[in-house]
PDB file of N, CA and C in Angstrom:
ATOM      1  N   MET A   1      59.543  58.226  14.165  1.00  0.00           N
ATOM      2  CA  MET A   1      59.216  59.425  14.915  1.00  0.00           C
ATOM      3  C   MET A   1      59.995  59.381  16.217  1.00  0.00           C
ATOM      4  N   PRO A   2      60.830  60.374  16.486  1.00  0.00           N
ATOM      5  CA  PRO A   2      61.658  60.379  17.691  1.00  0.00           C
ATOM      6  C   PRO A   2      60.852  60.412  18.986  1.00  0.00           C
ATOM      7  N   VAL A   3      61.320  59.632  19.945  1.00  0.00           N
ATOM      8  CA  VAL A   3      60.732  59.628  21.283  1.00  0.00           C
ATOM      9  C   VAL A   3      61.424  60.716  22.100  1.00  0.00           C
ATOM     10  N   LEU A   4      60.641  61.623  22.667  1.00  0.00           N
ATOM     11  CA  LEU A   4      61.188  62.699  23.484  1.00  0.00           C
ATOM     12  C   LEU A   4      61.219  62.323  24.960  1.00  0.00           C
ATOM     13  N   SER A   5      60.226  61.522  25.390  1.00  0.00           N
ATOM     14  CA  SER A   5      60.143  61.165  26.798  1.00  0.00           C
ATOM     15  C   SER A   5      59.211  59.971  26.975  1.00  0.00           C
ATOM     16  N   ILE A   6      59.474  59.205  28.035  1.00  0.00           N
ATOM     17  CA  ILE A   6      58.596  58.102  28.433  1.00  0.00           C
ATOM     18  C   ILE A   6      58.462  58.163  29.944  1.00  0.00           C
ATOM     19  N   PHE A   7      57.223  58.169  30.434  1.00  0.00           N
ATOM     20  CA  PHE A   7      56.979  58.171  31.877  1.00  0.00           C
ATOM     21  C   PHE A   7      55.606  57.579  32.169  1.00  0.00           C
ATOM     22  N   PHE A   8      55.538  56.786  33.218  1.00  0.00           N
ATOM     23  CA  PHE A   8      54.291  56.137  33.634  1.00  0.00           C
ATOM     24  C   PHE A   8      53.614  55.387  32.480  1.00  0.00           C
ATOM     25  N   GLY A   9      54.401  54.855  31.553  1.00  0.00           N
ATOM     26  CA  GLY A   9      53.850  54.146  30.406  1.00  0.00           C
ATOM     27  C   GLY A   9      53.366  55.059  29.291  1.00  0.00           C
ATOM     28  N   ILE A  10      53.539  56.360  29.455  1.00  0.00           N
ATOM     29  CA  ILE A  10      53.127  57.355  28.458  1.00  0.00           C
ATOM     30  C   ILE A  10      54.332  57.646  27.560  1.00  0.00           C
ATOM     31  N   VAL A  11      54.131  57.558  26.264  1.00  0.00           N
ATOM     32  CA  VAL A  11      55.211  57.812  25.299  1.00  0.00           C
ATOM     33  C   VAL A  11      54.925  59.126  24.576  1.00  0.00           C
ATOM     34  N   ILE A  12      55.911  60.024  24.626  1.00  0.00           N
ATOM     35  CA  ILE A  12      55.803  61.334  23.977  1.00  0.00           C
ATOM     36  C   ILE A  12      56.722  61.341  22.758  1.00  0.00           C
ATOM     37  N   ARG A  13      56.154  61.666  21.600  1.00  0.00           N
ATOM     38  CA  ARG A  13      56.924  61.702  20.352  1.00  0.00           C
ATOM     39  C   ARG A  13      56.672  63.020  19.618  1.00  0.00           C
ATOM     40  N   MET A  14      57.574  63.298  18.687  1.00  0.00           N
ATOM     41  CA  MET A  14      57.405  64.466  17.813  1.00  0.00           C
ATOM     42  C   MET A  14      57.958  64.091  16.439  1.00  0.00           C
ATOM     43  N   TRP A  15      57.229  64.473  15.404  1.00  0.00           N
ATOM     44  CA  TRP A  15      57.667  64.200  14.042  1.00  0.00           C
ATOM     45  C   TRP A  15      58.480  65.365  13.506  1.00  0.00           C
ATOM     46  N   HIS A  16      59.427  65.042  12.631  1.00  0.00           N
ATOM     47  CA  HIS A  16      60.143  66.076  11.894  1.00  0.00           C
ATOM     48  C   HIS A  16      59.207  66.668  10.848  1.00  0.00           C
ATOM     49  N   ASP A  17      59.291  67.993  10.667  1.00  0.00           N
ATOM     50  CA  ASP A  17      58.521  68.720   9.650  1.00  0.00           C
ATOM     51  C   ASP A  17      57.023  68.443   9.747  1.00  0.00           C
ATOM     52  N   ASP A  18      56.492  68.399  10.976  1.00  0.00           N
ATOM     53  CA  ASP A  18      55.068  68.145  11.198  1.00  0.00           C
ATOM     54  C   ASP A  18      54.272  69.431  10.977  1.00  0.00           C
ATOM     55  N   HIS A  19      52.964  69.291  10.860  1.00  0.00           N
ATOM     56  CA  HIS A  19      52.072  70.428  10.600  1.00  0.00           C
ATOM     57  C   HIS A  19      51.858  71.264  11.862  1.00  0.00           C
ATOM     58  N   PRO A  20      51.632  72.576  11.705  1.00  0.00           N
ATOM     59  CA  PRO A  20      51.321  73.418  12.853  1.00  0.00           C
ATOM     60  C   PRO A  20      49.877  73.150  13.333  1.00  0.00           C
ATOM     61  N   PRO A  21      49.528  73.591  14.507  1.00  0.00           N
ATOM     62  CA  PRO A  21      50.317  74.283  15.518  1.00  0.00           C
ATOM     63  C   PRO A  21      51.277  73.311  16.202  1.00  0.00           C
ATOM     64  N   PRO A  22      52.284  73.830  16.907  1.00  0.00           N
ATOM     65  CA  PRO A  22      53.235  72.958  17.612  1.00  0.00           C
ATOM     66  C   PRO A  22      52.506  72.000  18.566  1.00  0.00           C
ATOM     67  N   HIS A  23      52.814  70.713  18.424  1.00  0.00           N
ATOM     68  CA  HIS A  23      52.135  69.702  19.218  1.00  0.00           C
ATOM     69  C   HIS A  23      53.038  68.487  19.417  1.00  0.00           C
ATOM     70  N   ILE A  24      52.608  67.618  20.326  1.00  0.00           N
ATOM     71  CA  ILE A  24      53.286  66.346  20.549  1.00  0.00           C
ATOM     72  C   ILE A  24      52.294  65.226  20.275  1.00  0.00           C
ATOM     73  N   HIS A  25      52.833  64.051  19.987  1.00  0.00           N
ATOM     74  CA  HIS A  25      52.036  62.848  19.806  1.00  0.00           C
ATOM     75  C   HIS A  25      52.199  62.025  21.076  1.00  0.00           C
ATOM     76  N   VAL A  26      51.082  61.621  21.664  1.00  0.00           N
ATOM     77  CA  VAL A  26      51.094  60.899  22.931  1.00  0.00           C
ATOM     78  C   VAL A  26      50.430  59.546  22.740  1.00  0.00           C
ATOM     79  N   GLU A  27      51.080  58.500  23.265  1.00  0.00           N
ATOM     80  CA  GLU A  27      50.520  57.154  23.247  1.00  0.00           C
ATOM     81  C   GLU A  27      50.481  56.620  24.666  1.00  0.00           C
ATOM     82  N   TYR A  28      49.359  55.998  25.025  1.00  0.00           N
ATOM     83  CA  TYR A  28      49.225  55.408  26.354  1.00  0.00           C
ATOM     84  C   TYR A  28      48.199  54.297  26.315  1.00  0.00           C
ATOM     85  N   GLN A  29      48.625  53.079  26.573  1.00  0.00           N
ATOM     86  CA  GLN A  29      47.762  51.898  26.668  1.00  0.00           C
ATOM     87  C   GLN A  29      46.739  51.806  25.535  1.00  0.00           C
ATOM     88  N   GLY A  30      47.199  51.966  24.310  1.00  0.00           N
ATOM     89  CA  GLY A  30      46.327  51.840  23.149  1.00  0.00           C
ATOM     90  C   GLY A  30      45.618  53.137  22.753  1.00  0.00           C
ATOM     91  N   PHE A  31      45.711  54.166  23.584  1.00  0.00           N
ATOM     92  CA  PHE A  31      45.145  55.473  23.258  1.00  0.00           C
ATOM     93  C   PHE A  31      46.203  56.295  22.536  1.00  0.00           C
ATOM     94  N   GLU A  32      45.755  57.152  21.629  1.00  0.00           N
ATOM     95  CA  GLU A  32      46.659  58.066  20.925  1.00  0.00           C
ATOM     96  C   GLU A  32      46.018  59.442  20.866  1.00  0.00           C
ATOM     97  N   ALA A  33      46.853  60.470  21.013  1.00  0.00           N
ATOM     98  CA  ALA A  33      46.328  61.829  20.969  1.00  0.00           C
ATOM     99  C   ALA A  33      47.402  62.794  20.497  1.00  0.00           C
ATOM    100  N   LEU A  34      46.945  63.904  19.931  1.00  0.00           N
ATOM    101  CA  LEU A  34      47.802  65.056  19.662  1.00  0.00           C
ATOM    102  C   LEU A  34      47.532  66.050  20.775  1.00  0.00           C
ATOM    103  N   VAL A  35      48.597  66.618  21.340  1.00  0.00           N
ATOM    104  CA  VAL A  35      48.472  67.564  22.450  1.00  0.00           C
ATOM    105  C   VAL A  35      49.181  68.853  22.058  1.00  0.00           C
ATOM    106  N   LYS A  36      48.470  69.963  22.168  1.00  0.00           N
ATOM    107  CA  LYS A  36      49.042  71.272  21.852  1.00  0.00           C
ATOM    108  C   LYS A  36      50.080  71.649  22.900  1.00  0.00           C
ATOM    109  N   ILE A  37      51.249  72.070  22.445  1.00  0.00           N
ATOM    110  CA  ILE A  37      52.312  72.484  23.361  1.00  0.00           C
ATOM    111  C   ILE A  37      51.907  73.747  24.112  1.00  0.00           C
ATOM    112  N   SER A  38      51.185  74.626  23.484  1.00  0.00           N
ATOM    113  CA  SER A  38      50.833  75.912  24.105  1.00  0.00           C
ATOM    114  C   SER A  38      49.884  75.773  25.291  1.00  0.00           C
ATOM    115  N   THR A  39      49.027  74.754  25.272  1.00  0.00           N
ATOM    116  CA  THR A  39      48.010  74.617  26.321  1.00  0.00           C
ATOM    117  C   THR A  39      48.081  73.302  27.086  1.00  0.00           C
ATOM    118  N   GLY A  40      48.717  72.306  26.493  1.00  0.00           N
ATOM    119  CA  GLY A  40      48.733  70.979  27.102  1.00  0.00           C
ATOM    120  C   GLY A  40      47.435  70.221  26.905  1.00  0.00           C
ATOM    121  N   GLU A  41      46.526  70.767  26.124  1.00  0.00           N
ATOM    122  CA  GLU A  41      45.211  70.155  25.896  1.00  0.00           C
ATOM    123  C   GLU A  41      45.247  69.198  24.703  1.00  0.00           C
ATOM    124  N   VAL A  42      44.457  68.122  24.798  1.00  0.00           N
ATOM    125  CA  VAL A  42      44.305  67.183  23.684  1.00  0.00           C
ATOM    126  C   VAL A  42      43.535  67.889  22.576  1.00  0.00           C
ATOM    127  N   SER A  43      44.112  67.909  21.374  1.00  0.00           N
ATOM    128  CA  SER A  43      43.436  68.544  20.242  1.00  0.00           C
ATOM    129  C   SER A  43      42.835  67.520  19.285  1.00  0.00           C
ATOM    130  N   LYS A  44      43.330  66.296  19.340  1.00  0.00           N
ATOM    131  CA  LYS A  44      42.821  65.236  18.477  1.00  0.00           C
ATOM    132  C   LYS A  44      43.094  63.915  19.171  1.00  0.00           C
ATOM    133  N   GLY A  45      42.160  62.987  19.065  1.00  0.00           N
ATOM    134  CA  GLY A  45      42.331  61.695  19.710  1.00  0.00           C
ATOM    135  C   GLY A  45      41.799  61.729  21.133  1.00  0.00           C
ATOM    136  N   LYS A  46      42.250  60.757  21.939  1.00  0.00           N
ATOM    137  CA  LYS A  46      41.733  60.644  23.302  1.00  0.00           C
ATOM    138  C   LYS A  46      42.768  60.000  24.201  1.00  0.00           C
ATOM    139  N   LEU A  47      42.785  60.464  25.457  1.00  0.00           N
ATOM    140  CA  LEU A  47      43.580  59.867  26.522  1.00  0.00           C
ATOM    141  C   LEU A  47      42.680  59.704  27.740  1.00  0.00           C
ATOM    142  N   PRO A  48      42.937  58.704  28.580  1.00  0.00           N
ATOM    143  CA  PRO A  48      42.196  58.635  29.840  1.00  0.00           C
ATOM    144  C   PRO A  48      42.428  59.920  30.640  1.00  0.00           C
ATOM    145  N   ASN A  49      41.449  60.321  31.432  1.00  0.00           N
ATOM    146  CA  ASN A  49      41.516  61.599  32.148  1.00  0.00           C
ATOM    147  C   ASN A  49      42.785  61.758  32.970  1.00  0.00           C
ATOM    148  N   LYS A  50      43.181  60.729  33.712  1.00  0.00           N
ATOM    149  CA  LYS A  50      44.372  60.844  34.564  1.00  0.00           C
ATOM    150  C   LYS A  50      45.632  61.023  33.707  1.00  0.00           C
ATOM    151  N   ALA A  51      45.747  60.254  32.630  1.00  0.00           N
ATOM    152  CA  ALA A  51      46.904  60.387  31.739  1.00  0.00           C
ATOM    153  C   ALA A  51      46.916  61.764  31.081  1.00  0.00           C
ATOM    154  N   ALA A  52      45.747  62.263  30.674  1.00  0.00           N
ATOM    155  CA  ALA A  52      45.668  63.582  30.046  1.00  0.00           C
ATOM    156  C   ALA A  52      46.113  64.669  31.027  1.00  0.00           C
ATOM    157  N   ALA A  53      45.740  64.534  32.289  1.00  0.00           N
ATOM    158  CA  ALA A  53      46.142  65.524  33.297  1.00  0.00           C
ATOM    159  C   ALA A  53      47.646  65.490  33.534  1.00  0.00           C
ATOM    160  N   ILE A  54      48.228  64.292  33.583  1.00  0.00           N
ATOM    161  CA  ILE A  54      49.679  64.155  33.771  1.00  0.00           C
ATOM    162  C   ILE A  54      50.415  64.766  32.587  1.00  0.00           C
ATOM    163  N   VAL A  55      49.951  64.463  31.369  1.00  0.00           N
ATOM    164  CA  VAL A  55      50.592  65.001  30.158  1.00  0.00           C
ATOM    165  C   VAL A  55      50.469  66.520  30.119  1.00  0.00           C
ATOM    166  N   LYS A  56      49.303  67.049  30.477  1.00  0.00           N
ATOM    167  CA  LYS A  56      49.120  68.511  30.465  1.00  0.00           C
ATOM    168  C   LYS A  56      50.116  69.179  31.415  1.00  0.00           C
ATOM    169  N   ASP A  57      50.201  68.688  32.653  1.00  0.00           N
ATOM    170  CA  ASP A  57      51.129  69.268  33.625  1.00  0.00           C
ATOM    171  C   ASP A  57      52.564  69.179  33.133  1.00  0.00           C
ATOM    172  N   TRP A  58      52.931  68.005  32.587  1.00  0.00           N
ATOM    173  CA  TRP A  58      54.297  67.801  32.078  1.00  0.00           C
ATOM    174  C   TRP A  58      54.572  68.739  30.903  1.00  0.00           C
ATOM    175  N   CYS A  59      53.618  68.827  30.004  1.00  0.00           N
ATOM    176  CA  CYS A  59      53.773  69.660  28.803  1.00  0.00           C
ATOM    177  C   CYS A  59      53.995  71.120  29.183  1.00  0.00           C
ATOM    178  N   LEU A  60      53.202  71.627  30.101  1.00  0.00           N
ATOM    179  CA  LEU A  60      53.334  73.025  30.506  1.00  0.00           C
ATOM    180  C   LEU A  60      54.642  73.263  31.258  1.00  0.00           C
ATOM    181  N   ALA A  61      55.081  72.277  32.046  1.00  0.00           N
ATOM    182  CA  ALA A  61      56.338  72.408  32.781  1.00  0.00           C
ATOM    183  C   ALA A  61      57.549  72.385  31.847  1.00  0.00           C
ATOM    184  N   HIS A  62      57.408  71.740  30.690  1.00  0.00           N
ATOM    185  CA  HIS A  62      58.528  71.592  29.745  1.00  0.00           C
ATOM    186  C   HIS A  62      58.250  72.298  28.415  1.00  0.00           C
ATOM    187  N   GLN A  63      57.405  73.312  28.471  1.00  0.00           N
ATOM    188  CA  GLN A  63      56.998  74.008  27.254  1.00  0.00           C
ATOM    189  C   GLN A  63      58.190  74.566  26.472  1.00  0.00           C
ATOM    190  N   GLU A  64      59.140  75.146  27.164  1.00  0.00           N
ATOM    191  CA  GLU A  64      60.296  75.739  26.482  1.00  0.00           C
ATOM    192  C   GLU A  64      61.104  74.668  25.745  1.00  0.00           C
ATOM    193  N   GLU A  65      61.372  73.542  26.409  1.00  0.00           N
ATOM    194  CA  GLU A  65      62.127  72.460  25.762  1.00  0.00           C
ATOM    195  C   GLU A  65      61.350  71.883  24.576  1.00  0.00           C
ATOM    196  N   LEU A  66      60.027  71.765  24.738  1.00  0.00           N
ATOM    197  CA  LEU A  66      59.209  71.240  23.648  1.00  0.00           C
ATOM    198  C   LEU A  66      59.227  72.179  22.446  1.00  0.00           C
ATOM    199  N   LEU A  67      59.121  73.470  22.694  1.00  0.00           N
ATOM    200  CA  LEU A  67      59.166  74.429  21.588  1.00  0.00           C
ATOM    201  C   LEU A  67      60.547  74.459  20.930  1.00  0.00           C
ATOM    202  N   ASP A  68      61.605  74.302  21.726  1.00  0.00           N
ATOM    203  CA  ASP A  68      62.953  74.192  21.149  1.00  0.00           C
ATOM    204  C   ASP A  68      63.031  72.976  20.233  1.00  0.00           C
ATOM    205  N   ASN A  69      62.493  71.851  20.698  1.00  0.00           N
ATOM    206  CA  ASN A  69      62.485  70.639  19.868  1.00  0.00           C
ATOM    207  C   ASN A  69      61.625  70.833  18.630  1.00  0.00           C
ATOM    208  N   TRP A  70      60.515  71.547  18.758  1.00  0.00           N
ATOM    209  CA  TRP A  70      59.657  71.814  17.590  1.00  0.00           C
ATOM    210  C   TRP A  70      60.468  72.552  16.515  1.00  0.00           C
ATOM    211  N   GLY A  71      61.235  73.549  16.942  1.00  0.00           N
ATOM    212  CA  GLY A  71      62.082  74.285  15.998  1.00  0.00           C
ATOM    213  C   GLY A  71      63.122  73.393  15.353  1.00  0.00           C
ATOM    214  N   ARG A  72      63.728  72.519  16.138  1.00  0.00           N
ATOM    215  CA  ARG A  72      64.709  71.570  15.579  1.00  0.00           C
ATOM    216  C   ARG A  72      64.030  70.640  14.574  1.00  0.00           C
ATOM    217  N   ALA A  73      62.854  70.171  14.936  1.00  0.00           N
ATOM    218  CA  ALA A  73      62.132  69.229  14.062  1.00  0.00           C
ATOM    219  C   ALA A  73      61.787  69.874  12.725  1.00  0.00           C
ATOM    220  N   GLN A  74      61.412  71.142  12.741  1.00  0.00           N
ATOM    221  CA  GLN A  74      61.070  71.832  11.503  1.00  0.00           C
ATOM    222  C   GLN A  74      62.281  71.977  10.584  1.00  0.00           C
ATOM    223  N   ASN A  75      63.479  71.956  11.177  1.00  0.00           N
ATOM    224  CA  ASN A  75      64.719  72.060  10.402  1.00  0.00           C
ATOM    225  C   ASN A  75      65.404  70.704  10.211  1.00  0.00           C
ATOM    226  N   PHE A  76      64.689  69.622  10.532  1.00  0.00           N
ATOM    227  CA  PHE A  76      65.214  68.258  10.395  1.00  0.00           C
ATOM    228  C   PHE A  76      66.501  68.059  11.195  1.00  0.00           C
ATOM    229  N   GLU A  77      66.583  68.696  12.357  1.00  0.00           N
ATOM    230  CA  GLU A  77      67.731  68.550  13.242  1.00  0.00           C
ATOM    231  C   GLU A  77      67.402  67.535  14.341  1.00  0.00           C
ATOM    232  N   PRO A  78      68.428  66.939  14.962  1.00  0.00           N
ATOM    233  CA  PRO A  78      68.182  66.010  16.058  1.00  0.00           C
ATOM    234  C   PRO A  78      67.485  66.720  17.222  1.00  0.00           C
ATOM    235  N   MET A  79      66.556  66.005  17.852  1.00  0.00           N
ATOM    236  CA  MET A  79      65.835  66.560  18.990  1.00  0.00           C
ATOM    237  C   MET A  79      66.436  66.056  20.297  1.00  0.00           C
ATOM    238  N   GLU A  80      66.175  66.797  21.360  1.00  0.00           N
ATOM    239  CA  GLU A  80      66.700  66.472  22.683  1.00  0.00           C
ATOM    240  C   GLU A  80      65.669  65.694  23.493  1.00  0.00           C
ATOM    241  N   ARG A  81      66.147  64.726  24.268  1.00  0.00           N
ATOM    242  CA  ARG A  81      65.258  64.028  25.209  1.00  0.00           C
ATOM    243  C   ARG A  81      64.881  64.993  26.330  1.00  0.00           C
ATOM    244  N   ILE A  82      63.702  64.782  26.908  1.00  0.00           N
ATOM    245  CA  ILE A  82      63.199  65.615  27.995  1.00  0.00           C
ATOM    246  C   ILE A  82      62.866  64.693  29.166  1.00  0.00           C
ATOM    247  N   PRO A  83      63.296  65.042  30.385  1.00  0.00           N
ATOM    248  CA  PRO A  83      62.979  64.190  31.532  1.00  0.00           C
ATOM    249  C   PRO A  83      61.468  64.007  31.687  1.00  0.00           C
ATOM    250  N   GLY A  84      61.090  62.820  32.124  1.00  0.00           N
ATOM    251  CA  GLY A  84      59.673  62.515  32.300  1.00  0.00           C
ATOM    252  C   GLY A  84      59.098  63.059  33.581  1.00  0.00           C
ATOM    253  N   ALA A  85      57.804  62.918  33.728  1.00  0.00           N
ATOM    254  CA  ALA A  85      57.116  63.378  34.929  1.00  0.00           C
ATOM    255  C   ALA A  85      57.542  62.566  36.147  1.00  0.00           C
ATOM    256  N   ASP A  86      58.129  61.406  35.911  1.00  0.00           N
ATOM    257  CA  ASP A  86      58.640  60.588  37.012  1.00  0.00           C
ATOM    258  C   ASP A  86      60.124  60.855  37.241  1.00  0.00           C
ATOM    259  N   TYR A  87      60.664  61.901  36.600  1.00  0.00           N
ATOM    260  CA  TYR A  87      62.045  62.361  36.715  1.00  0.00           C
ATOM    261  C   TYR A  87      63.048  61.297  36.298  1.00  0.00           C
ATOM    262  N   ASP A  88      62.652  60.469  35.339  1.00  0.00           N
ATOM    263  CA  ASP A  88      63.530  59.421  34.835  1.00  0.00           C
ATOM    264  C   ASP A  88      64.380  59.954  33.694  1.00  0.00           C
TER     265      ASP A  88
END
């Protein structure tokens, strides 16, 4: 599963040809969650509150890039890296 971004120990991934709605897979210190691109909200799994807030803000700030990557993923095309919340 391609890594789109890593920041503050949070790993953001997206699978090729994944199920709708458009979402990202987030891993942080043993926690795993699916986060909806449209809202930045955790739809499945769990993240600590601070990590969930950081991911939500990042997701909403990069919604266009995430949706572009979602389209690429559905067509089995290479995805683009996205700068992290720490601007790395």
